Amino acid sequence: YMVADQIPSNLRGKATQIRLSDDSNLAIEL
């Protein structure tokens, strides 16, 4: 998981998808 403080501000308010990357970390993409 990822909490609000860890989420990049440039992704706020945008249309996004969240998935697990190959290294098992969360990836947030526009």
PDB file of all heavy atoms in Angstrom:
ATOM      1  N   TYR A   1       0.805  -1.212   0.000  1.00  0.00           N
ATOM      2  CA  TYR A   1       0.000   0.000   0.000  1.00  0.00           C
ATOM      3  C   TYR A   1       0.844   1.270   0.000  1.00  0.00           C
ATOM      4  O   TYR A   1       2.053   1.270   0.230  1.00  0.00           O
ATOM      5  CB  TYR A   1      -0.954   0.008   1.195  1.00  0.00           C
ATOM      6  CG  TYR A   1      -0.297   0.174   2.540  1.00  0.00           C
ATOM      7  CD1 TYR A   1      -0.045   1.437   3.056  1.00  0.00           C
ATOM      8  CD2 TYR A   1       0.073  -0.933   3.283  1.00  0.00           C
ATOM      9  CE1 TYR A   1       0.565   1.594   4.295  1.00  0.00           C
ATOM     10  CE2 TYR A   1       0.678  -0.786   4.517  1.00  0.00           C
ATOM     11  CZ  TYR A   1       0.922   0.481   5.024  1.00  0.00           C
ATOM     12  OH  TYR A   1       1.531   0.634   6.236  1.00  0.00           O
ATOM     13  N   MET A   2       0.165   2.371  -0.268  1.00  0.00           N
ATOM     14  CA  MET A   2       0.780   3.691  -0.289  1.00  0.00           C
ATOM     15  C   MET A   2      -0.200   4.668   0.347  1.00  0.00           C
ATOM     16  O   MET A   2      -1.395   4.650   0.025  1.00  0.00           O
ATOM     17  CB  MET A   2       1.111   4.107  -1.727  1.00  0.00           C
ATOM     18  CG  MET A   2       1.861   5.424  -1.853  1.00  0.00           C
ATOM     19  SD  MET A   2       2.210   5.853  -3.597  1.00  0.00           S
ATOM     20  CE  MET A   2       3.387   4.561  -4.017  1.00  0.00           C
ATOM     21  N   VAL A   3       0.294   5.490   1.266  1.00  0.00           N
ATOM     22  CA  VAL A   3      -0.561   6.463   1.935  1.00  0.00           C
ATOM     23  C   VAL A   3      -0.407   7.822   1.272  1.00  0.00           C
ATOM     24  O   VAL A   3       0.483   8.048   0.443  1.00  0.00           O
ATOM     25  CB  VAL A   3      -0.240   6.549   3.439  1.00  0.00           C
ATOM     26  CG1 VAL A   3      -0.558   5.235   4.130  1.00  0.00           C
ATOM     27  CG2 VAL A   3       1.220   6.929   3.649  1.00  0.00           C
ATOM     28  N   ALA A   4      -1.261   8.759   1.655  1.00  0.00           N
ATOM     29  CA  ALA A   4      -1.339  10.057   0.990  1.00  0.00           C
ATOM     30  C   ALA A   4      -0.002  10.778   0.946  1.00  0.00           C
ATOM     31  O   ALA A   4       0.351  11.392  -0.068  1.00  0.00           O
ATOM     32  CB  ALA A   4      -2.404  10.914   1.673  1.00  0.00           C
ATOM     33  N   ASP A   5       0.770  10.720   2.043  1.00  0.00           N
ATOM     34  CA  ASP A   5       2.045  11.435   2.099  1.00  0.00           C
ATOM     35  C   ASP A   5       3.063  10.910   1.093  1.00  0.00           C
ATOM     36  O   ASP A   5       4.024  11.603   0.745  1.00  0.00           O
ATOM     37  CB  ASP A   5       2.644  11.345   3.508  1.00  0.00           C
ATOM     38  CG  ASP A   5       1.842  12.136   4.522  1.00  0.00           C
ATOM     39  OD1 ASP A   5       1.034  12.980   4.101  1.00  0.00           O
ATOM     40  OD2 ASP A   5       2.014  11.896   5.733  1.00  0.00           O
ATOM     41  N   GLN A   6       2.876   9.674   0.633  1.00  0.00           N
ATOM     42  CA  GLN A   6       3.825   9.072  -0.301  1.00  0.00           C
ATOM     43  C   GLN A   6       3.427   9.283  -1.756  1.00  0.00           C
ATOM     44  O   GLN A   6       4.197   8.978  -2.658  1.00  0.00           O
ATOM     45  CB  GLN A   6       3.941   7.568  -0.028  1.00  0.00           C
ATOM     46  CG  GLN A   6       4.436   7.220   1.358  1.00  0.00           C
ATOM     47  CD  GLN A   6       4.318   5.723   1.633  1.00  0.00           C
ATOM     48  OE1 GLN A   6       3.222   5.180   1.710  1.00  0.00           O
ATOM     49  NE2 GLN A   6       5.444   5.062   1.781  1.00  0.00           N
ATOM     50  N   ILE A   7       2.221   9.780  -1.991  1.00  0.00           N
ATOM     51  CA  ILE A   7       1.703   9.917  -3.351  1.00  0.00           C
ATOM     52  C   ILE A   7       2.199  11.228  -3.959  1.00  0.00           C
ATOM     53  O   ILE A   7       2.015  12.294  -3.379  1.00  0.00           O
ATOM     54  CB  ILE A   7       0.161   9.877  -3.347  1.00  0.00           C
ATOM     55  CG1 ILE A   7      -0.319   8.524  -2.822  1.00  0.00           C
ATOM     56  CG2 ILE A   7      -0.389  10.130  -4.744  1.00  0.00           C
ATOM     57  CD1 ILE A   7      -1.813   8.450  -2.567  1.00  0.00           C
ATOM     58  N   PRO A   8       2.848  11.183  -5.123  1.00  0.00           N
ATOM     59  CA  PRO A   8       3.340  12.407  -5.761  1.00  0.00           C
ATOM     60  C   PRO A   8       2.210  13.409  -6.002  1.00  0.00           C
ATOM     61  O   PRO A   8       1.128  13.041  -6.462  1.00  0.00           O
ATOM     62  CB  PRO A   8       3.925  11.902  -7.089  1.00  0.00           C
ATOM     63  CG  PRO A   8       4.262  10.464  -6.828  1.00  0.00           C
ATOM     64  CD  PRO A   8       3.209   9.970  -5.885  1.00  0.00           C
ATOM     65  N   SER A   9       2.478  14.665  -5.699  1.00  0.00           N
ATOM     66  CA  SER A   9       1.443  15.699  -5.795  1.00  0.00           C
ATOM     67  C   SER A   9       0.975  15.923  -7.225  1.00  0.00           C
ATOM     68  O   SER A   9      -0.171  16.337  -7.452  1.00  0.00           O
ATOM     69  CB  SER A   9       1.959  17.015  -5.208  1.00  0.00           C
ATOM     70  OG  SER A   9       3.141  17.432  -5.884  1.00  0.00           O
ATOM     71  N   ASN A  10       1.832  15.631  -8.209  1.00  0.00           N
ATOM     72  CA  ASN A  10       1.442  15.874  -9.600  1.00  0.00           C
ATOM     73  C   ASN A  10       0.399  14.873 -10.104  1.00  0.00           C
ATOM     74  O   ASN A  10      -0.178  15.056 -11.181  1.00  0.00           O
ATOM     75  CB  ASN A  10       2.677  15.825 -10.510  1.00  0.00           C
ATOM     76  CG  ASN A  10       3.320  14.443 -10.549  1.00  0.00           C
ATOM     77  OD1 ASN A  10       3.644  13.873  -9.503  1.00  0.00           O
ATOM     78  ND2 ASN A  10       3.510  13.906 -11.731  1.00  0.00           N
ATOM     79  N   LEU A  11       0.140  13.825  -9.309  1.00  0.00           N
ATOM     80  CA  LEU A  11      -0.874  12.842  -9.702  1.00  0.00           C
ATOM     81  C   LEU A  11      -2.230  13.134  -9.070  1.00  0.00           C
ATOM     82  O   LEU A  11      -3.234  12.536  -9.451  1.00  0.00           O
ATOM     83  CB  LEU A  11      -0.421  11.433  -9.301  1.00  0.00           C
ATOM     84  CG  LEU A  11       0.867  10.935  -9.966  1.00  0.00           C
ATOM     85  CD1 LEU A  11       1.283   9.598  -9.387  1.00  0.00           C
ATOM     86  CD2 LEU A  11       0.671  10.820 -11.472  1.00  0.00           C
ATOM     87  N   ARG A  12      -2.254  14.044  -8.123  1.00  0.00           N
ATOM     88  CA  ARG A  12      -3.504  14.395  -7.443  1.00  0.00           C
ATOM     89  C   ARG A  12      -4.473  15.047  -8.413  1.00  0.00           C
ATOM     90  O   ARG A  12      -4.094  15.930  -9.193  1.00  0.00           O
ATOM     91  CB  ARG A  12      -3.220  15.349  -6.282  1.00  0.00           C
ATOM     92  CG  ARG A  12      -2.536  14.686  -5.112  1.00  0.00           C
ATOM     93  CD  ARG A  12      -3.544  13.941  -4.280  1.00  0.00           C
ATOM     94  NE  ARG A  12      -2.931  13.244  -3.162  1.00  0.00           N
ATOM     95  CZ  ARG A  12      -3.616  12.475  -2.350  1.00  0.00           C
ATOM     96  NH1 ARG A  12      -4.907  12.290  -2.526  1.00  0.00           N
ATOM     97  NH2 ARG A  12      -3.019  11.850  -1.366  1.00  0.00           N
ATOM     98  N   GLY A  13      -5.715  14.600  -8.349  1.00  0.00           N
ATOM     99  CA  GLY A  13      -6.753  15.185  -9.194  1.00  0.00           C
ATOM    100  C   GLY A  13      -6.744  14.698 -10.622  1.00  0.00           C
ATOM    101  O   GLY A  13      -7.535  15.174 -11.444  1.00  0.00           O
ATOM    102  N   LYS A  14      -5.891  13.735 -10.953  1.00  0.00           N
ATOM    103  CA  LYS A  14      -5.773  13.234 -12.324  1.00  0.00           C
ATOM    104  C   LYS A  14      -6.419  11.858 -12.466  1.00  0.00           C
ATOM    105  O   LYS A  14      -6.669  11.149 -11.483  1.00  0.00           O
ATOM    106  CB  LYS A  14      -4.293  13.142 -12.710  1.00  0.00           C
ATOM    107  CG  LYS A  14      -3.515  14.445 -12.556  1.00  0.00           C
ATOM    108  CD  LYS A  14      -3.984  15.502 -13.521  1.00  0.00           C
ATOM    109  CE  LYS A  14      -3.205  16.799 -13.329  1.00  0.00           C
ATOM    110  NZ  LYS A  14      -1.771  16.653 -13.545  1.00  0.00           N
ATOM    111  N   ALA A  15      -6.675  11.494 -13.716  1.00  0.00           N
ATOM    112  CA  ALA A  15      -7.154  10.141 -14.018  1.00  0.00           C
ATOM    113  C   ALA A  15      -5.953   9.200 -13.976  1.00  0.00           C
ATOM    114  O   ALA A  15      -4.959   9.416 -14.683  1.00  0.00           O
ATOM    115  CB  ALA A  15      -7.820  10.100 -15.382  1.00  0.00           C
ATOM    116  N   THR A  16      -6.026   8.179 -13.140  1.00  0.00           N
ATOM    117  CA  THR A  16      -4.856   7.329 -12.922  1.00  0.00           C
ATOM    118  C   THR A  16      -5.232   5.849 -12.866  1.00  0.00           C
ATOM    119  O   THR A  16      -6.400   5.477 -12.701  1.00  0.00           O
ATOM    120  CB  THR A  16      -4.149   7.676 -11.590  1.00  0.00           C
ATOM    121  OG1 THR A  16      -5.078   7.507 -10.518  1.00  0.00           O
ATOM    122  CG2 THR A  16      -3.643   9.100 -11.599  1.00  0.00           C
ATOM    123  N   GLN A  17      -4.212   5.029 -12.990  1.00  0.00           N
ATOM    124  CA  GLN A  17      -4.321   3.610 -12.673  1.00  0.00           C
ATOM    125  C   GLN A  17      -3.195   3.262 -11.708  1.00  0.00           C
ATOM    126  O   GLN A  17      -2.095   3.809 -11.799  1.00  0.00           O
ATOM    127  CB  GLN A  17      -4.262   2.727 -13.921  1.00  0.00           C
ATOM    128  CG  GLN A  17      -2.899   2.620 -14.571  1.00  0.00           C
ATOM    129  CD  GLN A  17      -2.763   1.397 -15.462  1.00  0.00           C
ATOM    130  OE1 GLN A  17      -3.330   0.336 -15.179  1.00  0.00           O
ATOM    131  NE2 GLN A  17      -2.017   1.536 -16.551  1.00  0.00           N
ATOM    132  N   ILE A  18      -3.496   2.347 -10.802  1.00  0.00           N
ATOM    133  CA  ILE A  18      -2.514   1.898  -9.809  1.00  0.00           C
ATOM    134  C   ILE A  18      -2.330   0.401  -9.989  1.00  0.00           C
ATOM    135  O   ILE A  18      -3.314  -0.342 -10.079  1.00  0.00           O
ATOM    136  CB  ILE A  18      -2.971   2.219  -8.372  1.00  0.00           C
ATOM    137  CG1 ILE A  18      -3.132   3.735  -8.198  1.00  0.00           C
ATOM    138  CG2 ILE A  18      -1.977   1.702  -7.364  1.00  0.00           C
ATOM    139  CD1 ILE A  18      -4.533   4.236  -8.332  1.00  0.00           C
ATOM    140  N   ARG A  19      -1.088  -0.032 -10.046  1.00  0.00           N
ATOM    141  CA  ARG A  19      -0.782  -1.452 -10.238  1.00  0.00           C
ATOM    142  C   ARG A  19       0.479  -1.806  -9.482  1.00  0.00           C
ATOM    143  O   ARG A  19       1.197  -0.932  -8.989  1.00  0.00           O
ATOM    144  CB  ARG A  19      -0.599  -1.757 -11.733  1.00  0.00           C
ATOM    145  CG  ARG A  19       0.578  -1.004 -12.348  1.00  0.00           C
ATOM    146  CD  ARG A  19       0.784  -1.360 -13.805  1.00  0.00           C
ATOM    147  NE  ARG A  19       1.894  -0.613 -14.386  1.00  0.00           N
ATOM    148  CZ  ARG A  19       3.166  -0.969 -14.284  1.00  0.00           C
ATOM    149  NH1 ARG A  19       3.507  -2.078 -13.619  1.00  0.00           N
ATOM    150  NH2 ARG A  19       4.124  -0.250 -14.839  1.00  0.00           N
ATOM    151  N   LEU A  20       0.768  -3.103  -9.417  1.00  0.00           N
ATOM    152  CA  LEU A  20       2.031  -3.570  -8.850  1.00  0.00           C
ATOM    153  C   LEU A  20       3.074  -3.650  -9.955  1.00  0.00           C
ATOM    154  O   LEU A  20       2.822  -4.228 -11.013  1.00  0.00           O
ATOM    155  CB  LEU A  20       1.865  -4.939  -8.196  1.00  0.00           C
ATOM    156  CG  LEU A  20       1.309  -4.988  -6.775  1.00  0.00           C
ATOM    157  CD1 LEU A  20       1.316  -6.423  -6.269  1.00  0.00           C
ATOM    158  CD2 LEU A  20       2.094  -4.101  -5.830  1.00  0.00           C
ATOM    159  N   SER A  21       4.236  -3.066  -9.708  1.00  0.00           N
ATOM    160  CA  SER A  21       5.321  -3.143 -10.687  1.00  0.00           C
ATOM    161  C   SER A  21       6.031  -4.488 -10.573  1.00  0.00           C
ATOM    162  O   SER A  21       5.715  -5.309  -9.702  1.00  0.00           O
ATOM    163  CB  SER A  21       6.312  -1.997 -10.454  1.00  0.00           C
ATOM    164  OG  SER A  21       6.861  -2.088  -9.153  1.00  0.00           O
ATOM    165  N   ASP A  22       7.004  -4.702 -11.450  1.00  0.00           N
ATOM    166  CA  ASP A  22       7.725  -5.980 -11.455  1.00  0.00           C
ATOM    167  C   ASP A  22       8.496  -6.229 -10.165  1.00  0.00           C
ATOM    168  O   ASP A  22       8.762  -7.379  -9.805  1.00  0.00           O
ATOM    169  CB  ASP A  22       8.702  -6.024 -12.642  1.00  0.00           C
ATOM    170  CG  ASP A  22       7.979  -6.074 -13.984  1.00  0.00           C
ATOM    171  OD1 ASP A  22       6.803  -6.489 -13.992  1.00  0.00           O
ATOM    172  OD2 ASP A  22       8.587  -5.693 -15.007  1.00  0.00           O
ATOM    173  N   ASP A  23       8.874  -5.135  -9.462  1.00  0.00           N
ATOM    174  CA  ASP A  23       9.594  -5.303  -8.200  1.00  0.00           C
ATOM    175  C   ASP A  23       8.655  -5.277  -6.997  1.00  0.00           C
ATOM    176  O   ASP A  23       9.086  -5.068  -5.867  1.00  0.00           O
ATOM    177  CB  ASP A  23      10.671  -4.225  -8.044  1.00  0.00           C
ATOM    178  CG  ASP A  23      10.103  -2.816  -8.096  1.00  0.00           C
ATOM    179  OD1 ASP A  23       8.876  -2.670  -8.291  1.00  0.00           O
ATOM    180  OD2 ASP A  23      10.882  -1.851  -7.956  1.00  0.00           O
ATOM    181  N   SER A  24       7.354  -5.492  -7.253  1.00  0.00           N
ATOM    182  CA  SER A  24       6.332  -5.609  -6.207  1.00  0.00           C
ATOM    183  C   SER A  24       6.118  -4.320  -5.424  1.00  0.00           C
ATOM    184  O   SER A  24       5.695  -4.360  -4.270  1.00  0.00           O
ATOM    185  CB  SER A  24       6.660  -6.763  -5.242  1.00  0.00           C
ATOM    186  OG  SER A  24       6.667  -7.990  -5.925  1.00  0.00           O
ATOM    187  N   ASN A  25       6.402  -3.177  -6.036  1.00  0.00           N
ATOM    188  CA  ASN A  25       6.066  -1.889  -5.467  1.00  0.00           C
ATOM    189  C   ASN A  25       4.872  -1.306  -6.213  1.00  0.00           C
ATOM    190  O   ASN A  25       4.603  -1.667  -7.356  1.00  0.00           O
ATOM    191  CB  ASN A  25       7.248  -0.912  -5.547  1.00  0.00           C
ATOM    192  CG  ASN A  25       8.385  -1.318  -4.637  1.00  0.00           C
ATOM    193  OD1 ASN A  25       8.161  -1.689  -3.480  1.00  0.00           O
ATOM    194  ND2 ASN A  25       9.613  -1.264  -5.143  1.00  0.00           N
ATOM    195  N   LEU A  26       4.165  -0.380  -5.572  1.00  0.00           N
ATOM    196  CA  LEU A  26       3.033   0.246  -6.238  1.00  0.00           C
ATOM    197  C   LEU A  26       3.503   1.244  -7.275  1.00  0.00           C
ATOM    198  O   LEU A  26       4.405   2.049  -7.027  1.00  0.00           O
ATOM    199  CB  LEU A  26       2.133   0.958  -5.230  1.00  0.00           C
ATOM    200  CG  LEU A  26       1.140   0.098  -4.435  1.00  0.00           C
ATOM    201  CD1 LEU A  26       0.215   0.991  -3.631  1.00  0.00           C
ATOM    202  CD2 LEU A  26       0.330  -0.810  -5.336  1.00  0.00           C
ATOM    203  N   ALA A  27       2.872   1.202  -8.444  1.00  0.00           N
ATOM    204  CA  ALA A  27       3.149   2.168  -9.507  1.00  0.00           C
ATOM    205  C   ALA A  27       1.848   2.896  -9.812  1.00  0.00           C
ATOM    206  O   ALA A  27       0.812   2.266 -10.038  1.00  0.00           O
ATOM    207  CB  ALA A  27       3.665   1.460 -10.752  1.00  0.00           C
ATOM    208  N   ILE A  28       1.899   4.226  -9.817  1.00  0.00           N
ATOM    209  CA  ILE A  28       0.730   5.053 -10.144  1.00  0.00           C
ATOM    210  C   ILE A  28       1.003   5.749 -11.459  1.00  0.00           C
ATOM    211  O   ILE A  28       2.002   6.466 -11.601  1.00  0.00           O
ATOM    212  CB  ILE A  28       0.444   6.084  -9.025  1.00  0.00           C
ATOM    213  CG1 ILE A  28       0.289   5.389  -7.684  1.00  0.00           C
ATOM    214  CG2 ILE A  28      -0.809   6.885  -9.362  1.00  0.00           C
ATOM    215  CD1 ILE A  28       0.067   6.340  -6.533  1.00  0.00           C
ATOM    216  N   GLU A  29       0.129   5.545 -12.437  1.00  0.00           N
ATOM    217  CA  GLU A  29       0.351   6.054 -13.787  1.00  0.00           C
ATOM    218  C   GLU A  29      -0.840   6.884 -14.239  1.00  0.00           C
ATOM    219  O   GLU A  29      -1.993   6.563 -13.924  1.00  0.00           O
ATOM    220  CB  GLU A  29       0.578   4.889 -14.763  1.00  0.00           C
ATOM    221  CG  GLU A  29       1.747   4.002 -14.381  1.00  0.00           C
ATOM    222  CD  GLU A  29       1.790   2.683 -15.159  1.00  0.00           C
ATOM    223  OE1 GLU A  29       0.729   2.319 -15.721  1.00  0.00           O
ATOM    224  OE2 GLU A  29       2.841   2.051 -15.165  1.00  0.00           O
ATOM    225  N   LEU A  30      -0.550   7.934 -15.008  1.00  0.00           N
ATOM    226  CA  LEU A  30      -1.615   8.744 -15.583  1.00  0.00           C
ATOM    227  C   LEU A  30      -2.268   7.987 -16.726  1.00  0.00           C
ATOM    228  O   LEU A  30      -1.596   7.307 -17.517  1.00  0.00           O
ATOM    229  CB  LEU A  30      -1.047  10.072 -16.098  1.00  0.00           C
ATOM    230  CG  LEU A  30      -0.525  11.058 -15.042  1.00  0.00           C
ATOM    231  CD1 LEU A  30       0.107  12.259 -15.714  1.00  0.00           C
ATOM    232  CD2 LEU A  30      -1.673  11.504 -14.128  1.00  0.00           C
TER     233      LEU A  30
END
